[in-house]
Amino acid sequence: MRPTNHALLATATGAAIWALSGELLAVPLTFATGVLVDADHLPDQIWHFYLKRRPRCFIVLHAWEWLVALSVATVSLSFPWWTVAVTLGYATHILTDHHFNMPHRWGYFMTYRAYHRFLFERISPDWRIKDPLQALSRELRIRKDHGDDSQTVPSDESHR
């Protein structure tokens, strides 16, 4: 899912938490945890495009394990507004990414990715990795052409 869509959903979720809790800070907190998760794509992109290394899929913030940990913390702390905001912001991100990005069913588990040594082609061979500058320009709508700005990650062993 694109960052602009994550931003809209996270803002709406934060506004709902604000309406229920009366805490205005729920909006930026939910926004941050619902959008900034995508910053973990940058190391993977730099690894592949600028260091010319075999694509890896670390995306350390995209993991169901984090959602479980946040949920346990929220329940253990008796549902303070700020943990609800963090957990729901993160949950909207992971749930929508899992639905719209269509990874392997276990692809958003860090343990699954680690088991497969974070090899992109083993985790979800249909995913595409984008050059970070092209992805940013697409998101900012400054791209001049309307062609495909991503590269298919090769599934051969040539990038070792």
Protein backbone atom coordinates (compact mmCIF):
# COMPACT_ATOMS: atom_id res chain seq x y z
CA MET A 1 0.00 0.00 0.00
CA ARG A 2 1.29 3.46 -0.81
CA PRO A 3 2.36 5.89 1.94
CA THR A 4 -0.36 8.40 1.04
CA ASN A 5 -3.00 5.73 1.63
CA HIS A 6 -1.36 4.73 4.91
CA ALA A 7 -1.39 8.41 5.90
CA LEU A 8 -5.10 8.78 5.22
CA LEU A 9 -6.02 5.61 7.09
CA ALA A 10 -3.75 6.38 10.04
CA THR A 11 -5.11 9.92 10.32
CA ALA A 12 -8.69 8.65 10.32
CA THR A 13 -7.81 6.03 12.92
CA GLY A 14 -6.08 8.64 15.07
CA ALA A 15 -9.09 10.95 14.78
CA ALA A 16 -11.35 8.13 15.96
CA ILE A 17 -9.09 7.48 18.96
CA TRP A 18 -9.07 11.23 19.70
CA ALA A 19 -12.87 11.30 19.55
CA LEU A 20 -13.10 8.36 21.97
CA SER A 21 -10.29 9.33 24.34
CA GLY A 22 -10.23 13.12 24.15
CA GLU A 23 -6.47 13.00 23.56
CA LEU A 24 -5.49 15.14 20.56
CA LEU A 25 -1.98 13.64 20.54
CA ALA A 26 -3.54 10.34 19.48
CA VAL A 27 -3.74 11.72 15.93
CA PRO A 28 0.00 12.36 15.33
CA LEU A 29 0.98 9.27 17.31
CA THR A 30 -1.30 7.02 15.25
CA PHE A 31 -0.12 8.76 12.09
CA ALA A 32 3.54 8.15 13.00
CA THR A 33 3.08 4.46 13.73
CA GLY A 34 0.81 3.99 10.73
CA VAL A 35 3.13 5.63 8.20
CA LEU A 36 6.73 5.73 9.40
CA VAL A 37 6.88 1.93 9.49
CA ASP A 38 7.72 2.16 5.79
CA ALA A 39 11.10 3.72 6.61
CA ASP A 40 12.36 0.18 7.04
CA HIS A 41 12.23 -0.31 3.26
CA LEU A 42 15.09 2.13 2.76
CA PRO A 43 17.92 -0.13 3.99
CA ASP A 44 16.70 -2.93 1.69
CA GLN A 45 16.54 -0.53 -1.24
CA ILE A 46 19.99 0.92 -0.58
CA TRP A 47 21.39 -2.60 -0.17
CA HIS A 48 20.13 -3.62 -3.61
CA PHE A 49 20.22 -0.49 -5.76
CA TYR A 50 23.24 1.40 -4.45
CA LEU A 51 25.42 -1.31 -2.97
CA LYS A 52 24.49 -3.65 -5.85
CA ARG A 53 23.91 -6.59 -3.53
CA ARG A 54 21.51 -9.48 -3.86
CA PRO A 55 18.04 -8.28 -2.79
CA ARG A 56 17.15 -8.94 0.82
CA CYS A 57 13.87 -8.51 2.62
CA PHE A 58 14.70 -7.40 6.14
CA ILE A 59 11.88 -4.83 6.57
CA VAL A 60 12.33 -5.19 10.33
CA LEU A 61 9.29 -3.08 11.23
CA HIS A 62 6.92 -5.12 9.06
CA ALA A 63 6.28 -8.08 11.34
CA TRP A 64 3.25 -9.64 12.95
CA GLU A 65 5.45 -10.29 15.99
CA TRP A 66 5.54 -6.53 16.66
CA LEU A 67 1.75 -6.33 16.54
CA VAL A 68 1.49 -9.17 19.06
CA ALA A 69 4.00 -7.43 21.36
CA LEU A 70 2.17 -4.10 21.08
CA SER A 71 -1.17 -5.78 21.76
CA VAL A 72 0.19 -7.56 24.83
CA ALA A 73 1.67 -4.28 26.11
CA THR A 74 -1.62 -2.46 25.54
CA VAL A 75 -3.60 -5.08 27.45
CA SER A 76 -0.97 -5.36 30.21
CA LEU A 77 -1.03 -1.60 30.74
CA SER A 78 -4.86 -1.54 30.87
CA PHE A 79 -5.39 0.20 27.51
CA PRO A 80 -3.88 3.68 27.97
CA TRP A 81 -4.77 5.90 25.02
CA TRP A 82 -1.18 6.17 23.79
CA THR A 83 -0.63 2.40 23.54
CA VAL A 84 -4.00 2.06 21.83
CA ALA A 85 -2.92 4.75 19.34
CA VAL A 86 0.46 3.11 18.67
CA THR A 87 -1.04 -0.37 18.37
CA LEU A 88 -3.92 0.62 16.10
CA GLY A 89 -1.69 2.79 13.91
CA TYR A 90 0.72 -0.09 13.49
CA ALA A 91 -2.12 -2.60 13.00
CA THR A 92 -3.69 -0.57 10.19
CA HIS A 93 -0.33 -0.50 8.42
CA ILE A 94 0.43 -4.21 8.73
CA LEU A 95 -3.12 -5.36 7.97
CA THR A 96 -3.46 -3.24 4.84
CA ASP A 97 0.04 -4.09 3.62
CA HIS A 98 -0.63 -7.79 4.08
CA HIS A 99 -3.92 -7.49 2.21
CA PHE A 100 -2.86 -5.24 -0.67
CA ASN A 101 0.77 -6.35 -1.15
CA MET A 102 -0.22 -10.01 -1.20
CA PRO A 103 2.97 -11.51 0.22
CA HIS A 104 3.47 -15.19 0.93
CA ARG A 105 1.06 -15.92 3.78
CA TRP A 106 3.97 -15.99 6.24
CA GLY A 107 5.88 -13.13 4.58
CA TYR A 108 5.14 -10.61 7.32
CA PHE A 109 6.56 -12.82 10.04
CA MET A 110 10.13 -11.88 10.93
CA THR A 111 10.76 -15.47 11.97
CA TYR A 112 9.74 -16.71 8.50
CA ARG A 113 11.99 -14.18 6.79
CA ALA A 114 14.89 -15.09 9.08
CA TYR A 115 14.35 -18.80 8.38
CA HIS A 116 14.72 -18.01 4.67
CA ARG A 117 17.81 -15.86 5.35
CA PHE A 118 15.87 -12.76 4.27
CA LEU A 119 16.25 -13.77 0.62
CA PHE A 120 13.76 -11.73 -1.34
CA GLU A 121 12.94 -14.42 -3.89
CA ARG A 122 12.23 -17.03 -1.19
CA ILE A 123 9.96 -14.78 0.83
CA SER A 124 7.70 -13.48 -1.90
CA PRO A 125 8.91 -14.02 -5.47
CA ASP A 126 6.16 -11.82 -6.92
CA TRP A 127 7.13 -8.72 -4.96
CA ARG A 128 8.97 -5.91 -6.69
CA ILE A 129 11.59 -3.68 -5.15
CA LYS A 130 11.73 -0.04 -6.20
CA ASP A 131 14.64 2.32 -6.43
CA PRO A 132 14.16 4.69 -3.46
CA LEU A 133 14.50 7.89 -5.50
CA GLN A 134 12.02 6.67 -8.10
CA ALA A 135 9.63 5.55 -5.38
CA LEU A 136 9.86 8.97 -3.71
CA SER A 137 9.32 10.85 -6.96
CA ARG A 138 6.31 8.66 -7.70
CA GLU A 139 4.85 9.37 -4.30
CA LEU A 140 5.44 13.09 -4.70
CA ARG A 141 3.93 12.95 -8.21
CA ILE A 142 6.96 14.50 -9.89
CA ARG A 143 7.72 11.61 -12.20
CA LYS A 144 7.80 12.68 -15.84
CA ASP A 145 7.05 9.36 -17.49
CA HIS A 146 4.15 7.09 -16.71
CA GLY A 147 5.99 3.83 -17.23
CA ASP A 148 6.80 1.19 -14.69
CA ASP A 149 9.28 2.58 -12.17
CA SER A 150 10.14 -0.69 -10.50
CA GLN A 151 12.44 -3.51 -11.30
CA THR A 152 11.60 -7.14 -10.98
CA VAL A 153 13.95 -8.69 -8.51
CA PRO A 154 15.79 -11.55 -10.17
CA SER A 155 15.22 -14.91 -8.61
CA ASP A 156 18.44 -16.42 -9.90
CA GLU A 157 21.61 -16.78 -7.90
CA SER A 158 23.52 -14.12 -9.88
CA HIS A 159 23.49 -11.44 -7.15
CA ARG A 160 25.57 -13.23 -4.52
